[in-house]
Amino acid sequence: MNVFLGKGDGTLLAATQFGCDNSPGDVKIADLNLDGKADIVATSFAGSATGVVDVLPGKGDGAFESFKAFASGSAGPRALAVADLNGDGLLDLVVANDQNGSQGSIGVLINTSH
């Protein structure tokens, strides 16, 4: 995954690459662990039968820690949404999964970072 930081003048610095699982897809930026630093969340294919959501915690300086993978529910994670689903003040994840033409699924990942 490549991150291009802004220079503040409408241009971008050269890309910095951060590791993630195979074939990253939908990407969101959110402070999942409430440390005041932006984190990256991306859908990925971890293998032919498994889909995951990769979370890269932000360091606050444009760099990110190594990713942590969380199962998305089934193969083919396509879309990702971030919201506080249970009213606990933590952002949770919702993943739309595609089963290659079969019936898909919705994965709900409740944040427990407290």
PDB file of N, CA and C in Angstrom:
ATOM      1  N   MET A   1       0.846  -1.149   0.000  1.00  0.00           N
ATOM      2  CA  MET A   1       0.000   0.000   0.000  1.00  0.00           C
ATOM      3  C   MET A   1       0.903   1.226   0.000  1.00  0.00           C
ATOM      4  N   ASN A   2       0.608   2.177  -0.862  1.00  0.00           N
ATOM      5  CA  ASN A   2       1.399   3.403  -0.954  1.00  0.00           C
ATOM      6  C   ASN A   2       0.667   4.565  -0.307  1.00  0.00           C
ATOM      7  N   VAL A   3       1.406   5.381   0.422  1.00  0.00           N
ATOM      8  CA  VAL A   3       0.862   6.589   1.039  1.00  0.00           C
ATOM      9  C   VAL A   3       1.630   7.768   0.478  1.00  0.00           C
ATOM     10  N   PHE A   4       0.883   8.757  -0.020  1.00  0.00           N
ATOM     11  CA  PHE A   4       1.471   9.987  -0.552  1.00  0.00           C
ATOM     12  C   PHE A   4       1.095  11.126   0.388  1.00  0.00           C
ATOM     13  N   LEU A   5       2.039  11.640   1.134  1.00  0.00           N
ATOM     14  CA  LEU A   5       1.771  12.742   2.055  1.00  0.00           C
ATOM     15  C   LEU A   5       1.775  14.071   1.303  1.00  0.00           C
ATOM     16  N   GLY A   6       0.869  14.961   1.712  1.00  0.00           N
ATOM     17  CA  GLY A   6       0.793  16.280   1.094  1.00  0.00           C
ATOM     18  C   GLY A   6       1.882  17.206   1.613  1.00  0.00           C
ATOM     19  N   LYS A   7       2.359  18.084   0.721  1.00  0.00           N
ATOM     20  CA  LYS A   7       3.377  19.068   1.097  1.00  0.00           C
ATOM     21  C   LYS A   7       2.750  20.339   1.660  1.00  0.00           C
ATOM     22  N   GLY A   8       1.439  20.481   1.544  1.00  0.00           N
ATOM     23  CA  GLY A   8       0.771  21.689   2.021  1.00  0.00           C
ATOM     24  C   GLY A   8       0.625  22.753   0.960  1.00  0.00           C
ATOM     25  N   ASP A   9       1.127  22.463  -0.250  1.00  0.00           N
ATOM     26  CA  ASP A   9       1.038  23.436  -1.345  1.00  0.00           C
ATOM     27  C   ASP A   9       0.299  22.865  -2.557  1.00  0.00           C
ATOM     28  N   GLY A  10      -0.468  21.788  -2.316  1.00  0.00           N
ATOM     29  CA  GLY A  10      -1.203  21.152  -3.411  1.00  0.00           C
ATOM     30  C   GLY A  10      -0.425  20.063  -4.122  1.00  0.00           C
ATOM     31  N   THR A  11       0.816  19.821  -3.717  1.00  0.00           N
ATOM     32  CA  THR A  11       1.607  18.745  -4.310  1.00  0.00           C
ATOM     33  C   THR A  11       1.854  17.660  -3.262  1.00  0.00           C
ATOM     34  N   LEU A  12       2.383  16.535  -3.712  1.00  0.00           N
ATOM     35  CA  LEU A  12       2.599  15.377  -2.852  1.00  0.00           C
ATOM     36  C   LEU A  12       4.062  14.971  -2.813  1.00  0.00           C
ATOM     37  N   LEU A  13       4.468  14.429  -1.679  1.00  0.00           N
ATOM     38  CA  LEU A  13       5.789  13.816  -1.563  1.00  0.00           C
ATOM     39  C   LEU A  13       5.791  12.484  -2.303  1.00  0.00           C
ATOM     40  N   ALA A  14       6.951  11.916  -2.508  1.00  0.00           N
ATOM     41  CA  ALA A  14       7.051  10.590  -3.112  1.00  0.00           C
ATOM     42  C   ALA A  14       6.349   9.573  -2.214  1.00  0.00           C
ATOM     43  N   ALA A  15       5.889   8.492  -2.812  1.00  0.00           N
ATOM     44  CA  ALA A  15       5.149   7.461  -2.080  1.00  0.00           C
ATOM     45  C   ALA A  15       6.025   6.774  -1.045  1.00  0.00           C
ATOM     46  N   THR A  16       5.407   6.461   0.081  1.00  0.00           N
ATOM     47  CA  THR A  16       6.009   5.596   1.087  1.00  0.00           C
ATOM     48  C   THR A  16       5.178   4.325   1.105  1.00  0.00           C
ATOM     49  N   GLN A  17       5.833   3.181   1.027  1.00  0.00           N
ATOM     50  CA  GLN A  17       5.106   1.910   0.945  1.00  0.00           C
ATOM     51  C   GLN A  17       5.020   1.247   2.312  1.00  0.00           C
ATOM     52  N   PHE A  18       3.812   0.741   2.621  1.00  0.00           N
ATOM     53  CA  PHE A  18       3.564   0.008   3.857  1.00  0.00           C
ATOM     54  C   PHE A  18       2.964  -1.342   3.504  1.00  0.00           C
ATOM     55  N   GLY A  19       3.363  -2.383   4.222  1.00  0.00           N
ATOM     56  CA  GLY A  19       2.896  -3.733   3.948  1.00  0.00           C
ATOM     57  C   GLY A  19       1.439  -3.940   4.314  1.00  0.00           C
ATOM     58  N   CYS A  20       0.794  -4.864   3.573  1.00  0.00           N
ATOM     59  CA  CYS A  20      -0.570  -5.291   3.852  1.00  0.00           C
ATOM     60  C   CYS A  20      -0.763  -6.659   3.202  1.00  0.00           C
ATOM     61  N   ASP A  21      -1.937  -7.260   3.416  1.00  0.00           N
ATOM     62  CA  ASP A  21      -2.233  -8.543   2.792  1.00  0.00           C
ATOM     63  C   ASP A  21      -2.397  -8.377   1.280  1.00  0.00           C
ATOM     64  N   ASN A  22      -2.654  -9.483   0.595  1.00  0.00           N
ATOM     65  CA  ASN A  22      -2.787  -9.502  -0.866  1.00  0.00           C
ATOM     66  C   ASN A  22      -3.970  -8.663  -1.351  1.00  0.00           C
ATOM     67  N   SER A  23      -3.788  -8.010  -2.459  1.00  0.00           N
ATOM     68  CA  SER A  23      -4.845  -7.309  -3.187  1.00  0.00           C
ATOM     69  C   SER A  23      -5.691  -6.379  -2.320  1.00  0.00           C
ATOM     70  N   PRO A  24      -5.093  -5.341  -1.749  1.00  0.00           N
ATOM     71  CA  PRO A  24      -5.907  -4.405  -0.969  1.00  0.00           C
ATOM     72  C   PRO A  24      -6.971  -3.768  -1.856  1.00  0.00           C
ATOM     73  N   GLY A  25      -8.114  -3.479  -1.252  1.00  0.00           N
ATOM     74  CA  GLY A  25      -9.235  -2.904  -2.001  1.00  0.00           C
ATOM     75  C   GLY A  25      -9.660  -1.580  -1.397  1.00  0.00           C
ATOM     76  N   ASP A  26     -10.854  -1.560  -0.842  1.00  0.00           N
ATOM     77  CA  ASP A  26     -11.415  -0.340  -0.262  1.00  0.00           C
ATOM     78  C   ASP A  26     -10.570   0.100   0.930  1.00  0.00           C
ATOM     79  N   VAL A  27     -10.290   1.383   1.014  1.00  0.00           N
ATOM     80  CA  VAL A  27      -9.436   1.932   2.070  1.00  0.00           C
ATOM     81  C   VAL A  27     -10.176   3.076   2.769  1.00  0.00           C
ATOM     82  N   LYS A  28     -10.069   3.100   4.087  1.00  0.00           N
ATOM     83  CA  LYS A  28     -10.628   4.193   4.885  1.00  0.00           C
ATOM     84  C   LYS A  28      -9.562   4.666   5.864  1.00  0.00           C
ATOM     85  N   ILE A  29      -9.681   5.916   6.283  1.00  0.00           N
ATOM     86  CA  ILE A  29      -8.798   6.515   7.287  1.00  0.00           C
ATOM     87  C   ILE A  29      -9.678   6.880   8.484  1.00  0.00           C
ATOM     88  N   ALA A  30      -9.301   6.407   9.668  1.00  0.00           N
ATOM     89  CA  ALA A  30     -10.071   6.694  10.877  1.00  0.00           C
ATOM     90  C   ALA A  30      -9.183   6.469  12.093  1.00  0.00           C
ATOM     91  N   ASP A  31      -9.490   7.128  13.181  1.00  0.00           N
ATOM     92  CA  ASP A  31      -8.763   6.924  14.436  1.00  0.00           C
ATOM     93  C   ASP A  31      -9.461   5.809  15.212  1.00  0.00           C
ATOM     94  N   LEU A  32      -9.103   4.569  14.935  1.00  0.00           N
ATOM     95  CA  LEU A  32      -9.784   3.421  15.539  1.00  0.00           C
ATOM     96  C   LEU A  32      -9.446   3.223  17.009  1.00  0.00           C
ATOM     97  N   ASN A  33      -8.246   3.588  17.430  1.00  0.00           N
ATOM     98  CA  ASN A  33      -7.833   3.327  18.811  1.00  0.00           C
ATOM     99  C   ASN A  33      -7.858   4.584  19.692  1.00  0.00           C
ATOM    100  N   LEU A  34      -8.439   5.652  19.178  1.00  0.00           N
ATOM    101  CA  LEU A  34      -8.644   6.904  19.924  1.00  0.00           C
ATOM    102  C   LEU A  34      -7.363   7.486  20.517  1.00  0.00           C
ATOM    103  N   ASP A  35      -6.251   7.367  19.762  1.00  0.00           N
ATOM    104  CA  ASP A  35      -4.995   7.956  20.223  1.00  0.00           C
ATOM    105  C   ASP A  35      -4.715   9.300  19.560  1.00  0.00           C
ATOM    106  N   GLY A  36      -5.678   9.803  18.774  1.00  0.00           N
ATOM    107  CA  GLY A  36      -5.515  11.081  18.096  1.00  0.00           C
ATOM    108  C   GLY A  36      -4.719  11.000  16.806  1.00  0.00           C
ATOM    109  N   LYS A  37      -4.380   9.780  16.365  1.00  0.00           N
ATOM    110  CA  LYS A  37      -3.584   9.584  15.142  1.00  0.00           C
ATOM    111  C   LYS A  37      -4.406   8.802  14.122  1.00  0.00           C
ATOM    112  N   ALA A  38      -4.322   9.213  12.867  1.00  0.00           N
ATOM    113  CA  ALA A  38      -5.071   8.550  11.800  1.00  0.00           C
ATOM    114  C   ALA A  38      -4.535   7.140  11.558  1.00  0.00           C
ATOM    115  N   ASP A  39      -5.444   6.173  11.473  1.00  0.00           N
ATOM    116  CA  ASP A  39      -5.108   4.786  11.169  1.00  0.00           C
ATOM    117  C   ASP A  39      -5.638   4.457   9.774  1.00  0.00           C
ATOM    118  N   ILE A  40      -5.016   3.490   9.110  1.00  0.00           N
ATOM    119  CA  ILE A  40      -5.482   3.020   7.802  1.00  0.00           C
ATOM    120  C   ILE A  40      -6.214   1.700   8.002  1.00  0.00           C
ATOM    121  N   VAL A  41      -7.356   1.560   7.320  1.00  0.00           N
ATOM    122  CA  VAL A  41      -8.112   0.314   7.312  1.00  0.00           C
ATOM    123  C   VAL A  41      -8.353  -0.046   5.856  1.00  0.00           C
ATOM    124  N   ALA A  42      -8.056  -1.301   5.471  1.00  0.00           N
ATOM    125  CA  ALA A  42      -8.225  -1.706   4.073  1.00  0.00           C
ATOM    126  C   ALA A  42      -8.743  -3.137   3.982  1.00  0.00           C
ATOM    127  N   THR A  43      -9.650  -3.374   3.033  1.00  0.00           N
ATOM    128  CA  THR A  43     -10.061  -4.748   2.746  1.00  0.00           C
ATOM    129  C   THR A  43      -8.958  -5.420   1.947  1.00  0.00           C
ATOM    130  N   SER A  44      -8.772  -6.722   2.164  1.00  0.00           N
ATOM    131  CA  SER A  44      -7.737  -7.471   1.447  1.00  0.00           C
ATOM    132  C   SER A  44      -8.157  -8.926   1.282  1.00  0.00           C
ATOM    133  N   PHE A  45      -7.559  -9.574   0.295  1.00  0.00           N
ATOM    134  CA  PHE A  45      -7.719 -11.011   0.110  1.00  0.00           C
ATOM    135  C   PHE A  45      -6.505 -11.682   0.718  1.00  0.00           C
ATOM    136  N   ALA A  46      -6.702 -12.432   1.795  1.00  0.00           N
ATOM    137  CA  ALA A  46      -5.580 -13.113   2.448  1.00  0.00           C
ATOM    138  C   ALA A  46      -5.272 -14.434   1.770  1.00  0.00           C
ATOM    139  N   GLY A  47      -6.183 -14.931   0.983  1.00  0.00           N
ATOM    140  CA  GLY A  47      -6.019 -16.196   0.283  1.00  0.00           C
ATOM    141  C   GLY A  47      -7.255 -16.440  -0.548  1.00  0.00           C
ATOM    142  N   SER A  48      -7.309 -17.543  -1.248  1.00  0.00           N
ATOM    143  CA  SER A  48      -8.418 -17.788  -2.167  1.00  0.00           C
ATOM    144  C   SER A  48      -9.755 -17.951  -1.452  1.00  0.00           C
ATOM    145  N   ALA A  49      -9.752 -18.351  -0.182  1.00  0.00           N
ATOM    146  CA  ALA A  49     -11.009 -18.581   0.525  1.00  0.00           C
ATOM    147  C   ALA A  49     -11.204 -17.650   1.709  1.00  0.00           C
ATOM    148  N   THR A  50     -10.304 -16.709   1.913  1.00  0.00           N
ATOM    149  CA  THR A  50     -10.380 -15.872   3.102  1.00  0.00           C
ATOM    150  C   THR A  50     -10.233 -14.404   2.752  1.00  0.00           C
ATOM    151  N   GLY A  51     -11.097 -13.600   3.316  1.00  0.00           N
ATOM    152  CA  GLY A  51     -10.977 -12.160   3.196  1.00  0.00           C
ATOM    153  C   GLY A  51     -10.681 -11.571   4.550  1.00  0.00           C
ATOM    154  N   VAL A  52      -9.953 -10.467   4.577  1.00  0.00           N
ATOM    155  CA  VAL A  52      -9.591  -9.829   5.836  1.00  0.00           C
ATOM    156  C   VAL A  52      -9.717  -8.321   5.723  1.00  0.00           C
ATOM    157  N   VAL A  53      -9.675  -7.688   6.878  1.00  0.00           N
ATOM    158  CA  VAL A  53      -9.526  -6.248   6.979  1.00  0.00           C
ATOM    159  C   VAL A  53      -8.175  -6.020   7.647  1.00  0.00           C
ATOM    160  N   ASP A  54      -7.317  -5.263   6.996  1.00  0.00           N
ATOM    161  CA  ASP A  54      -6.008  -4.924   7.553  1.00  0.00           C
ATOM    162  C   ASP A  54      -6.101  -3.564   8.231  1.00  0.00           C
ATOM    163  N   VAL A  55      -5.573  -3.476   9.453  1.00  0.00           N
ATOM    164  CA  VAL A  55      -5.527  -2.218  10.194  1.00  0.00           C
ATOM    165  C   VAL A  55      -4.066  -1.856  10.407  1.00  0.00           C
ATOM    166  N   LEU A  56      -3.681  -0.663   9.955  1.00  0.00           N
ATOM    167  CA  LEU A  56      -2.331  -0.146  10.143  1.00  0.00           C
ATOM    168  C   LEU A  56      -2.423   1.046  11.087  1.00  0.00           C
ATOM    169  N   PRO A  57      -2.066   0.875  12.368  1.00  0.00           N
ATOM    170  CA  PRO A  57      -2.140   1.996  13.308  1.00  0.00           C
ATOM    171  C   PRO A  57      -1.163   3.109  12.919  1.00  0.00           C
ATOM    172  N   GLY A  58      -1.655   4.345  12.986  1.00  0.00           N
ATOM    173  CA  GLY A  58      -0.826   5.492  12.639  1.00  0.00           C
ATOM    174  C   GLY A  58       0.120   5.873  13.759  1.00  0.00           C
ATOM    175  N   LYS A  59       1.284   6.390  13.365  1.00  0.00           N
ATOM    176  CA  LYS A  59       2.276   6.864  14.335  1.00  0.00           C
ATOM    177  C   LYS A  59       2.172   8.372  14.563  1.00  0.00           C
ATOM    178  N   GLY A  60       1.351   9.056  13.759  1.00  0.00           N
ATOM    179  CA  GLY A  60       1.159  10.488  13.924  1.00  0.00           C
ATOM    180  C   GLY A  60       2.107  11.355  13.129  1.00  0.00           C
ATOM    181  N   ASP A  61       3.020  10.734  12.392  1.00  0.00           N
ATOM    182  CA  ASP A  61       3.996  11.499  11.610  1.00  0.00           C
ATOM    183  C   ASP A  61       3.954  11.114  10.127  1.00  0.00           C
ATOM    184  N   GLY A  62       2.860  10.477   9.711  1.00  0.00           N
ATOM    185  CA  GLY A  62       2.740  10.012   8.330  1.00  0.00           C
ATOM    186  C   GLY A  62       3.223   8.590   8.137  1.00  0.00           C
ATOM    187  N   ALA A  63       3.732   7.979   9.189  1.00  0.00           N
ATOM    188  CA  ALA A  63       4.160   6.573   9.139  1.00  0.00           C
ATOM    189  C   ALA A  63       3.124   5.710   9.868  1.00  0.00           C
ATOM    190  N   PHE A  64       3.165   4.414   9.573  1.00  0.00           N
ATOM    191  CA  PHE A  64       2.200   3.485  10.141  1.00  0.00           C
ATOM    192  C   PHE A  64       2.902   2.233  10.634  1.00  0.00           C
ATOM    193  N   GLU A  65       2.358   1.643  11.702  1.00  0.00           N
ATOM    194  CA  GLU A  65       2.886   0.394  12.238  1.00  0.00           C
ATOM    195  C   GLU A  65       2.547  -0.755  11.289  1.00  0.00           C
ATOM    196  N   SER A  66       3.138  -1.907  11.512  1.00  0.00           N
ATOM    197  CA  SER A  66       2.815  -3.102  10.730  1.00  0.00           C
ATOM    198  C   SER A  66       1.329  -3.422  10.858  1.00  0.00           C
ATOM    199  N   PHE A  67       0.778  -3.978   9.805  1.00  0.00           N
ATOM    200  CA  PHE A  67      -0.660  -4.243   9.799  1.00  0.00           C
ATOM    201  C   PHE A  67      -1.025  -5.426  10.683  1.00  0.00           C
ATOM    202  N   LYS A  68      -2.264  -5.358  11.164  1.00  0.00           N
ATOM    203  CA  LYS A  68      -2.892  -6.463  11.877  1.00  0.00           C
ATOM    204  C   LYS A  68      -4.107  -6.858  11.052  1.00  0.00           C
ATOM    205  N   ALA A  69      -4.259  -8.167  10.767  1.00  0.00           N
ATOM    206  CA  ALA A  69      -5.353  -8.647   9.936  1.00  0.00           C
ATOM    207  C   ALA A  69      -6.484  -9.196  10.797  1.00  0.00           C
ATOM    208  N   PHE A  70      -7.725  -8.883  10.397  1.00  0.00           N
ATOM    209  CA  PHE A  70      -8.921  -9.366  11.074  1.00  0.00           C
ATOM    210  C   PHE A  70      -9.836  -9.999  10.027  1.00  0.00           C
ATOM    211  N   ALA A  71     -10.342 -11.196  10.293  1.00  0.00           N
ATOM    212  CA  ALA A  71     -11.227 -11.895   9.351  1.00  0.00           C
ATOM    213  C   ALA A  71     -12.450 -11.047   9.064  1.00  0.00           C
ATOM    214  N   SER A  72     -12.827 -10.967   7.772  1.00  0.00           N
ATOM    215  CA  SER A  72     -13.966 -10.131   7.379  1.00  0.00           C
ATOM    216  C   SER A  72     -15.270 -10.904   7.303  1.00  0.00           C
ATOM    217  N   GLY A  73     -15.230 -12.201   7.437  1.00  0.00           N
ATOM    218  CA  GLY A  73     -16.461 -12.985   7.414  1.00  0.00           C
ATOM    219  C   GLY A  73     -16.492 -14.009   6.302  1.00  0.00           C
ATOM    220  N   SER A  74     -15.949 -13.707   5.153  1.00  0.00           N
ATOM    221  CA  SER A  74     -15.873 -14.656   4.048  1.00  0.00           C
ATOM    222  C   SER A  74     -14.971 -14.078   2.970  1.00  0.00           C
ATOM    223  N   ALA A  75     -14.792 -14.841   1.909  1.00  0.00           N
ATOM    224  CA  ALA A  75     -13.927 -14.400   0.815  1.00  0.00           C
ATOM    225  C   ALA A  75     -14.513 -13.171   0.118  1.00  0.00           C
ATOM    226  N   GLY A  76     -13.665 -12.418  -0.507  1.00  0.00           N
ATOM    227  CA  GLY A  76     -14.095 -11.326  -1.365  1.00  0.00           C
ATOM    228  C   GLY A  76     -14.575 -10.068  -0.683  1.00  0.00           C
ATOM    229  N   PRO A  77     -13.840  -9.511   0.292  1.00  0.00           N
ATOM    230  CA  PRO A  77     -14.275  -8.240   0.863  1.00  0.00           C
ATOM    231  C   PRO A  77     -14.202  -7.139  -0.188  1.00  0.00           C
ATOM    232  N   ARG A  78     -15.304  -6.441  -0.396  1.00  0.00           N
ATOM    233  CA  ARG A  78     -15.379  -5.445  -1.473  1.00  0.00           C
ATOM    234  C   ARG A  78     -15.444  -4.013  -0.970  1.00  0.00           C
ATOM    235  N   ALA A  79     -16.260  -3.781   0.044  1.00  0.00           N
ATOM    236  CA  ALA A  79     -16.483  -2.406   0.504  1.00  0.00           C
ATOM    237  C   ALA A  79     -16.416  -2.372   2.020  1.00  0.00           C
ATOM    238  N   LEU A  80     -16.085  -1.188   2.540  1.00  0.00           N
ATOM    239  CA  LEU A  80     -15.828  -1.022   3.957  1.00  0.00           C
ATOM    240  C   LEU A  80     -16.478   0.266   4.436  1.00  0.00           C
ATOM    241  N   ALA A  81     -17.104   0.208   5.612  1.00  0.00           N
ATOM    242  CA  ALA A  81     -17.659   1.401   6.244  1.00  0.00           C
ATOM    243  C   ALA A  81     -17.178   1.446   7.690  1.00  0.00           C
ATOM    244  N   VAL A  82     -17.028   2.662   8.217  1.00  0.00           N
ATOM    245  CA  VAL A  82     -16.548   2.868   9.577  1.00  0.00           C
ATOM    246  C   VAL A  82     -17.595   3.703  10.318  1.00  0.00           C
ATOM    247  N   ALA A  83     -18.070   3.188  11.472  1.00  0.00           N
ATOM    248  CA  ALA A  83     -19.061   3.906  12.274  1.00  0.00           C
ATOM    249  C   ALA A  83     -19.099   3.304  13.673  1.00  0.00           C
ATOM    250  N   ASP A  84     -19.577   4.070  14.638  1.00  0.00           N
ATOM    251  CA  ASP A  84     -19.773   3.556  15.995  1.00  0.00           C
ATOM    252  C   ASP A  84     -21.135   2.872  16.018  1.00  0.00           C
ATOM    253  N   LEU A  85     -21.148   1.569  15.865  1.00  0.00           N
ATOM    254  CA  LEU A  85     -22.398   0.817  15.740  1.00  0.00           C
ATOM    255  C   LEU A  85     -23.092   0.549  17.069  1.00  0.00           C
ATOM    256  N   ASN A  86     -22.349   0.492  18.160  1.00  0.00           N
ATOM    257  CA  ASN A  86     -22.964   0.121  19.437  1.00  0.00           C
ATOM    258  C   ASN A  86     -22.929   1.238  20.481  1.00  0.00           C
ATOM    259  N   GLY A  87     -22.580   2.452  20.078  1.00  0.00           N
ATOM    260  CA  GLY A  87     -22.652   3.609  20.959  1.00  0.00           C
ATOM    261  C   GLY A  87     -21.639   3.640  22.091  1.00  0.00           C
ATOM    262  N   ASP A  88     -20.509   2.913  21.945  1.00  0.00           N
ATOM    263  CA  ASP A  88     -19.499   2.899  23.009  1.00  0.00           C
ATOM    264  C   ASP A  88     -18.382   3.908  22.796  1.00  0.00           C
ATOM    265  N   GLY A  89     -18.494   4.732  21.742  1.00  0.00           N
ATOM    266  CA  GLY A  89     -17.473   5.740  21.464  1.00  0.00           C
ATOM    267  C   GLY A  89     -16.317   5.242  20.626  1.00  0.00           C
ATOM    268  N   LEU A  90     -16.317   3.957  20.267  1.00  0.00           N
ATOM    269  CA  LEU A  90     -15.267   3.376  19.418  1.00  0.00           C
ATOM    270  C   LEU A  90     -15.817   3.124  18.017  1.00  0.00           C
ATOM    271  N   LEU A  91     -14.987   3.371  17.005  1.00  0.00           N
ATOM    272  CA  LEU A  91     -15.400   3.136  15.630  1.00  0.00           C
ATOM    273  C   LEU A  91     -15.309   1.649  15.304  1.00  0.00           C
ATOM    274  N   ASP A  92     -16.397   1.096  14.777  1.00  0.00           N
ATOM    275  CA  ASP A  92     -16.484  -0.299  14.368  1.00  0.00           C
ATOM    276  C   ASP A  92     -16.407  -0.364  12.849  1.00  0.00           C
ATOM    277  N   LEU A  93     -16.263  -1.566  12.306  1.00  0.00           N
ATOM    278  CA  LEU A  93     -16.134  -1.759  10.863  1.00  0.00           C
ATOM    279  C   LEU A  93     -17.252  -2.643  10.331  1.00  0.00           C
ATOM    280  N   VAL A  94     -17.735  -2.309   9.138  1.00  0.00           N
ATOM    281  CA  VAL A  94     -18.707  -3.126   8.423  1.00  0.00           C
ATOM    282  C   VAL A  94     -18.112  -3.425   7.060  1.00  0.00           C
ATOM    283  N   VAL A  95     -18.108  -4.716   6.670  1.00  0.00           N
ATOM    284  CA  VAL A  95     -17.489  -5.146   5.427  1.00  0.00           C
ATOM    285  C   VAL A  95     -18.514  -5.864   4.559  1.00  0.00           C
ATOM    286  N   ALA A  96     -18.637  -5.445   3.303  1.00  0.00           N
ATOM    287  CA  ALA A  96     -19.474  -6.147   2.334  1.00  0.00           C
ATOM    288  C   ALA A  96     -18.608  -7.191   1.643  1.00  0.00           C
ATOM    289  N   ASN A  97     -19.003  -8.454   1.752  1.00  0.00           N
ATOM    290  CA  ASN A  97     -18.249  -9.569   1.182  1.00  0.00           C
ATOM    291  C   ASN A  97     -18.985 -10.159  -0.016  1.00  0.00           C
ATOM    292  N   ASP A  98     -18.246 -10.456  -1.074  1.00  0.00           N
ATOM    293  CA  ASP A  98     -18.784 -11.058  -2.293  1.00  0.00           C
ATOM    294  C   ASP A  98     -18.297 -12.494  -2.373  1.00  0.00           C
ATOM    295  N   GLN A  99     -19.179 -13.413  -2.640  1.00  0.00           N
ATOM    296  CA  GLN A  99     -18.830 -14.829  -2.719  1.00  0.00           C
ATOM    297  C   GLN A  99     -18.701 -15.289  -4.171  1.00  0.00           C
ATOM    298  N   ASN A 100     -18.079 -14.492  -5.036  1.00  0.00           N
ATOM    299  CA  ASN A 100     -17.855 -14.864  -6.437  1.00  0.00           C
ATOM    300  C   ASN A 100     -19.118 -15.323  -7.135  1.00  0.00           C
ATOM    301  N   GLY A 101     -20.137 -14.488  -7.102  1.00  0.00           N
ATOM    302  CA  GLY A 101     -21.382 -14.791  -7.788  1.00  0.00           C
ATOM    303  C   GLY A 101     -22.407 -15.484  -6.927  1.00  0.00           C
ATOM    304  N   SER A 102     -22.016 -16.028  -5.791  1.00  0.00           N
ATOM    305  CA  SER A 102     -22.965 -16.637  -4.864  1.00  0.00           C
ATOM    306  C   SER A 102     -23.483 -15.554  -3.930  1.00  0.00           C
ATOM    307  N   GLN A 103     -24.319 -15.953  -3.000  1.00  0.00           N
ATOM    308  CA  GLN A 103     -24.834 -15.006  -2.015  1.00  0.00           C
ATOM    309  C   GLN A 103     -23.681 -14.457  -1.188  1.00  0.00           C
ATOM    310  N   GLY A 104     -23.635 -13.159  -1.007  1.00  0.00           N
ATOM    311  CA  GLY A 104     -22.584 -12.511  -0.235  1.00  0.00           C
ATOM    312  C   GLY A 104     -22.918 -12.464   1.243  1.00  0.00           C
ATOM    313  N   SER A 105     -22.123 -11.695   1.978  1.00  0.00           N
ATOM    314  CA  SER A 105     -22.368 -11.539   3.411  1.00  0.00           C
ATOM    315  C   SER A 105     -21.896 -10.164   3.861  1.00  0.00           C
ATOM    316  N   ILE A 106     -22.340  -9.791   5.035  1.00  0.00           N
ATOM    317  CA  ILE A 106     -21.895  -8.557   5.674  1.00  0.00           C
ATOM    318  C   ILE A 106     -21.141  -8.962   6.930  1.00  0.00           C
ATOM    319  N   GLY A 107     -19.894  -8.526   7.033  1.00  0.00           N
ATOM    320  CA  GLY A 107     -19.099  -8.780   8.238  1.00  0.00           C
ATOM    321  C   GLY A 107     -19.126  -7.555   9.134  1.00  0.00           C
ATOM    322  N   VAL A 108     -19.366  -7.751  10.414  1.00  0.00           N
ATOM    323  CA  VAL A 108     -19.362  -6.669  11.386  1.00  0.00           C
ATOM    324  C   VAL A 108     -18.238  -6.931  12.379  1.00  0.00           C
ATOM    325  N   LEU A 109     -17.298  -6.000  12.468  1.00  0.00           N
ATOM    326  CA  LEU A 109     -16.170  -6.113  13.384  1.00  0.00           C
ATOM    327  C   LEU A 109     -16.320  -5.042  14.452  1.00  0.00           C
ATOM    328  N   ILE A 110     -16.626  -5.467  15.679  1.00  0.00           N
ATOM    329  CA  ILE A 110     -16.819  -4.551  16.792  1.00  0.00           C
ATOM    330  C   ILE A 110     -15.451  -4.226  17.410  1.00  0.00           C
ATOM    331  N   ASN A 111     -15.166  -2.952  17.543  1.00  0.00           N
ATOM    332  CA  ASN A 111     -13.896  -2.470  18.086  1.00  0.00           C
ATOM    333  C   ASN A 111     -13.863  -2.692  19.599  1.00  0.00           C
ATOM    334  N   THR A 112     -12.811  -3.330  20.074  1.00  0.00           N
ATOM    335  CA  THR A 112     -12.638  -3.571  21.510  1.00  0.00           C
ATOM    336  C   THR A 112     -11.307  -3.018  21.998  1.00  0.00           C
ATOM    337  N   SER A 113     -10.865  -1.889  21.445  1.00  0.00           N
ATOM    338  CA  SER A 113      -9.527  -1.383  21.725  1.00  0.00           C
ATOM    339  C   SER A 113      -9.378  -0.687  23.069  1.00  0.00           C
ATOM    340  N   HIS A 114     -10.436  -0.593  23.870  1.00  0.00           N
ATOM    341  CA  HIS A 114     -10.313   0.011  25.213  1.00  0.00           C
ATOM    342  C   HIS A 114      -9.498  -0.868  26.112  1.00  0.00           C
TER     343      HIS A 114
END
